[in-house]
Amino acid sequence: MATQRTGDVGGDQVSRSGDQVSRSADVVWEQRLNALRARIEHLEGALEGLQDAVYRHALLEDENIGELRRRMEPEQMARELSRDARRRGL
């Protein structure tokens, strides 16, 4: 009978240490998940910033292209050439 008690106690201790290992593994996984969540949030913020920068750049390019088109219209070009000729005394 003494052998059975020792076996029970040993089995009980293994079970408890198994629970501790399991809890320890859960803590490690939880820490990893939290680190991944933080990294994903950081990457999402960086991506949003990049999207905003690309959008602002696209708007600026649209404005520049619009201005170039306006300046290249035949009437506008004729006015600019006439103004330049007067300024140069031609």
N, C-alpha and C. Protein backbone atom coordinates (compact mmCIF):
# COMPACT_ATOMS: atom_id res chain seq x y z
N MET A 1 0.81 -1.20 0.00
CA MET A 1 0.00 0.00 0.00
C MET A 1 0.85 1.25 0.00
N ALA A 2 1.98 1.15 0.64
CA ALA A 2 2.83 2.32 0.68
C ALA A 2 3.28 2.68 -0.73
N THR A 3 3.48 1.68 -1.55
CA THR A 3 3.91 1.94 -2.92
C THR A 3 2.83 2.66 -3.70
N GLN A 4 1.59 2.32 -3.48
CA GLN A 4 0.49 2.97 -4.19
C GLN A 4 0.38 4.43 -3.79
N ARG A 5 0.56 4.75 -2.53
CA ARG A 5 0.48 6.14 -2.08
C ARG A 5 1.59 6.97 -2.74
N THR A 6 2.78 6.41 -2.76
CA THR A 6 3.89 7.13 -3.37
C THR A 6 3.59 7.35 -4.85
N GLY A 7 3.03 6.32 -5.49
CA GLY A 7 2.69 6.45 -6.91
C GLY A 7 1.64 7.51 -7.12
N ASP A 8 0.65 7.55 -6.24
CA ASP A 8 -0.41 8.55 -6.38
C ASP A 8 0.16 9.96 -6.20
N VAL A 9 0.99 10.10 -5.17
CA VAL A 9 1.57 11.41 -4.90
C VAL A 9 2.43 11.83 -6.07
N GLY A 10 3.25 10.91 -6.59
CA GLY A 10 4.10 11.24 -7.73
C GLY A 10 3.28 11.61 -8.95
N GLY A 11 2.23 10.87 -9.20
CA GLY A 11 1.35 11.16 -10.33
C GLY A 11 0.68 12.51 -10.17
N ASP A 12 0.29 12.82 -8.93
CA ASP A 12 -0.34 14.09 -8.64
C ASP A 12 0.63 15.24 -8.89
N GLN A 13 1.89 15.04 -8.48
CA GLN A 13 2.89 16.09 -8.69
C GLN A 13 3.17 16.29 -10.17
N VAL A 14 3.22 15.21 -10.93
CA VAL A 14 3.46 15.32 -12.37
C VAL A 14 2.31 16.08 -13.00
N SER A 15 1.12 15.79 -12.57
CA SER A 15 -0.05 16.48 -13.10
C SER A 15 0.02 17.97 -12.80
N ARG A 16 0.43 18.31 -11.58
CA ARG A 16 0.53 19.73 -11.22
C ARG A 16 1.63 20.41 -12.01
N SER A 17 2.78 19.76 -12.13
CA SER A 17 3.86 20.39 -12.88
C SER A 17 3.47 20.46 -14.36
N GLY A 18 2.70 19.50 -14.84
CA GLY A 18 2.19 19.55 -16.21
C GLY A 18 1.28 20.75 -16.40
N ASP A 19 0.45 21.03 -15.38
CA ASP A 19 -0.41 22.22 -15.43
C ASP A 19 0.44 23.49 -15.44
N GLN A 20 1.49 23.48 -14.64
CA GLN A 20 2.37 24.66 -14.60
C GLN A 20 3.05 24.86 -15.95
N VAL A 21 3.50 23.78 -16.55
CA VAL A 21 4.13 23.87 -17.87
C VAL A 21 3.11 24.37 -18.87
N SER A 22 1.90 23.84 -18.78
CA SER A 22 0.84 24.26 -19.69
C SER A 22 0.53 25.74 -19.50
N ARG A 23 0.45 26.18 -18.24
CA ARG A 23 0.20 27.60 -17.97
C ARG A 23 1.36 28.46 -18.45
N SER A 24 2.56 27.96 -18.25
CA SER A 24 3.75 28.68 -18.69
C SER A 24 3.74 28.81 -20.22
N ALA A 25 3.38 27.74 -20.89
CA ALA A 25 3.29 27.79 -22.36
C ALA A 25 2.20 28.76 -22.79
N ASP A 26 1.08 28.75 -22.06
CA ASP A 26 0.00 29.69 -22.37
C ASP A 26 0.47 31.13 -22.21
N VAL A 27 1.25 31.40 -21.17
CA VAL A 27 1.77 32.75 -20.93
C VAL A 27 2.70 33.15 -22.07
N VAL A 28 3.54 32.22 -22.50
CA VAL A 28 4.47 32.51 -23.60
C VAL A 28 3.67 32.82 -24.87
N TRP A 29 2.66 32.00 -25.15
CA TRP A 29 1.85 32.25 -26.34
C TRP A 29 1.11 33.57 -26.23
N GLU A 30 0.62 33.88 -25.07
CA GLU A 30 -0.09 35.15 -24.85
C GLU A 30 0.85 36.33 -25.09
N GLN A 31 2.09 36.21 -24.61
CA GLN A 31 3.07 37.27 -24.84
C GLN A 31 3.38 37.41 -26.32
N ARG A 32 3.52 36.28 -27.00
CA ARG A 32 3.77 36.32 -28.45
C ARG A 32 2.61 36.97 -29.19
N LEU A 33 1.39 36.59 -28.81
CA LEU A 33 0.22 37.19 -29.44
C LEU A 33 0.15 38.69 -29.20
N ASN A 34 0.44 39.10 -27.98
CA ASN A 34 0.44 40.53 -27.67
C ASN A 34 1.50 41.26 -28.48
N ALA A 35 2.67 40.67 -28.61
CA ALA A 35 3.74 41.28 -29.40
C ALA A 35 3.32 41.37 -30.87
N LEU A 36 2.69 40.32 -31.39
CA LEU A 36 2.22 40.35 -32.77
C LEU A 36 1.12 41.38 -32.97
N ARG A 37 0.21 41.48 -32.00
CA ARG A 37 -0.84 42.50 -32.10
C ARG A 37 -0.24 43.90 -32.14
N ALA A 38 0.73 44.14 -31.28
CA ALA A 38 1.38 45.45 -31.25
C ALA A 38 2.09 45.72 -32.57
N ARG A 39 2.75 44.72 -33.08
CA ARG A 39 3.46 44.90 -34.36
C ARG A 39 2.48 45.15 -35.50
N ILE A 40 1.38 44.41 -35.52
CA ILE A 40 0.37 44.61 -36.57
C ILE A 40 -0.22 46.00 -36.47
N GLU A 41 -0.51 46.47 -35.26
CA GLU A 41 -1.04 47.83 -35.08
C GLU A 41 -0.04 48.86 -35.59
N HIS A 42 1.24 48.64 -35.30
CA HIS A 42 2.28 49.55 -35.79
C HIS A 42 2.33 49.54 -37.32
N LEU A 43 2.28 48.36 -37.90
CA LEU A 43 2.32 48.24 -39.36
C LEU A 43 1.08 48.86 -40.00
N GLU A 44 -0.08 48.69 -39.37
CA GLU A 44 -1.29 49.31 -39.89
C GLU A 44 -1.16 50.83 -39.88
N GLY A 45 -0.60 51.37 -38.80
CA GLY A 45 -0.39 52.82 -38.72
C GLY A 45 0.58 53.29 -39.78
N ALA A 46 1.64 52.55 -39.99
CA ALA A 46 2.62 52.91 -41.03
C ALA A 46 1.99 52.84 -42.41
N LEU A 47 1.18 51.83 -42.64
CA LEU A 47 0.52 51.69 -43.94
C LEU A 47 -0.46 52.83 -44.17
N GLU A 48 -1.21 53.20 -43.15
CA GLU A 48 -2.14 54.33 -43.28
C GLU A 48 -1.38 55.62 -43.59
N GLY A 49 -0.25 55.82 -42.93
CA GLY A 49 0.58 56.99 -43.21
C GLY A 49 1.08 56.98 -44.65
N LEU A 50 1.50 55.83 -45.12
CA LEU A 50 1.97 55.71 -46.50
C LEU A 50 0.83 55.99 -47.48
N GLN A 51 -0.35 55.45 -47.20
CA GLN A 51 -1.50 55.71 -48.06
C GLN A 51 -1.83 57.19 -48.11
N ASP A 52 -1.78 57.86 -46.96
CA ASP A 52 -2.03 59.30 -46.92
C ASP A 52 -1.01 60.06 -47.74
N ALA A 53 0.27 59.69 -47.62
CA ALA A 53 1.33 60.36 -48.37
C ALA A 53 1.15 60.15 -49.87
N VAL A 54 0.81 58.94 -50.27
CA VAL A 54 0.60 58.66 -51.70
C VAL A 54 -0.60 59.46 -52.21
N TYR A 55 -1.66 59.54 -51.42
CA TYR A 55 -2.84 60.29 -51.82
C TYR A 55 -2.51 61.78 -51.98
N ARG A 56 -1.78 62.35 -51.01
CA ARG A 56 -1.39 63.77 -51.11
C ARG A 56 -0.51 64.00 -52.32
N HIS A 57 0.41 63.09 -52.58
CA HIS A 57 1.29 63.21 -53.74
C HIS A 57 0.48 63.14 -55.03
N ALA A 58 -0.50 62.25 -55.09
CA ALA A 58 -1.34 62.14 -56.28
C ALA A 58 -2.13 63.42 -56.50
N LEU A 59 -2.65 64.01 -55.43
CA LEU A 59 -3.37 65.28 -55.56
C LEU A 59 -2.45 66.37 -56.09
N LEU A 60 -1.25 66.46 -55.57
CA LEU A 60 -0.29 67.45 -56.02
C LEU A 60 0.05 67.25 -57.49
N GLU A 61 0.28 66.01 -57.89
CA GLU A 61 0.57 65.71 -59.29
C GLU A 61 -0.61 66.09 -60.19
N ASP A 62 -1.82 65.82 -59.74
CA ASP A 62 -3.00 66.20 -60.52
C ASP A 62 -3.06 67.71 -60.70
N GLU A 63 -2.76 68.45 -59.63
CA GLU A 63 -2.75 69.91 -59.73
C GLU A 63 -1.68 70.37 -60.72
N ASN A 64 -0.48 69.80 -60.63
CA ASN A 64 0.61 70.18 -61.53
C ASN A 64 0.26 69.87 -62.98
N ILE A 65 -0.30 68.71 -63.23
CA ILE A 65 -0.68 68.34 -64.59
C ILE A 65 -1.78 69.26 -65.10
N GLY A 66 -2.74 69.58 -64.23
CA GLY A 66 -3.80 70.51 -64.61
C GLY A 66 -3.25 71.88 -64.98
N GLU A 67 -2.28 72.35 -64.20
CA GLU A 67 -1.65 73.65 -64.49
C GLU A 67 -0.90 73.60 -65.81
N LEU A 68 -0.17 72.53 -66.06
CA LEU A 68 0.54 72.39 -67.33
C LEU A 68 -0.43 72.35 -68.51
N ARG A 69 -1.51 71.64 -68.37
CA ARG A 69 -2.51 71.58 -69.44
C ARG A 69 -3.09 72.97 -69.70
N ARG A 70 -3.37 73.69 -68.62
CA ARG A 70 -3.93 75.03 -68.79
C ARG A 70 -2.94 75.92 -69.52
N ARG A 71 -1.66 75.83 -69.16
CA ARG A 71 -0.65 76.66 -69.79
C ARG A 71 -0.39 76.26 -71.24
N MET A 72 -0.69 75.03 -71.60
CA MET A 72 -0.45 74.55 -72.96
C MET A 72 -1.65 74.80 -73.88
N GLU A 73 -2.75 75.31 -73.37
CA GLU A 73 -3.88 75.62 -74.24
C GLU A 73 -3.45 76.68 -75.24
N PRO A 74 -3.91 76.59 -76.49
CA PRO A 74 -3.45 77.51 -77.53
C PRO A 74 -3.63 78.99 -77.17
N GLU A 75 -4.78 79.36 -76.62
CA GLU A 75 -5.00 80.77 -76.29
C GLU A 75 -4.04 81.24 -75.19
N GLN A 76 -3.86 80.41 -74.19
CA GLN A 76 -2.97 80.77 -73.09
C GLN A 76 -1.52 80.84 -73.58
N MET A 77 -1.13 79.91 -74.42
CA MET A 77 0.23 79.92 -74.94
C MET A 77 0.45 81.18 -75.78
N ALA A 78 -0.52 81.56 -76.59
CA ALA A 78 -0.40 82.78 -77.41
C ALA A 78 -0.24 84.00 -76.51
N ARG A 79 -1.02 84.09 -75.44
CA ARG A 79 -0.90 85.22 -74.50
C ARG A 79 0.48 85.26 -73.87
N GLU A 80 0.96 84.09 -73.43
CA GLU A 80 2.27 84.03 -72.79
C GLU A 80 3.39 84.41 -73.77
N LEU A 81 3.30 83.92 -75.00
CA LEU A 81 4.32 84.26 -76.00
C LEU A 81 4.30 85.76 -76.32
N SER A 82 3.09 86.33 -76.43
CA SER A 82 2.96 87.76 -76.70
C SER A 82 3.53 88.58 -75.53
N ARG A 83 3.22 88.20 -74.34
CA ARG A 83 3.72 88.89 -73.15
C ARG A 83 5.25 88.81 -73.10
N ASP A 84 5.79 87.61 -73.38
CA ASP A 84 7.24 87.44 -73.38
C ASP A 84 7.90 88.30 -74.47
N ALA A 85 7.30 88.37 -75.65
CA ALA A 85 7.85 89.18 -76.73
C ALA A 85 7.85 90.66 -76.36
N ARG A 86 6.77 91.13 -75.75
CA ARG A 86 6.71 92.54 -75.32
C ARG A 86 7.77 92.83 -74.28
N ARG A 87 7.94 91.91 -73.37
CA ARG A 87 8.92 92.11 -72.30
C ARG A 87 10.34 92.16 -72.87
N ARG A 88 10.61 91.39 -73.87
CA ARG A 88 11.95 91.36 -74.47
C ARG A 88 12.13 92.46 -75.52
N GLY A 89 11.03 93.16 -75.84
CA GLY A 89 11.11 94.22 -76.84
C GLY A 89 11.19 93.71 -78.25
N LEU A 90 10.58 92.57 -78.52
CA LEU A 90 10.59 92.01 -79.88
C LEU A 90 9.38 92.43 -80.67
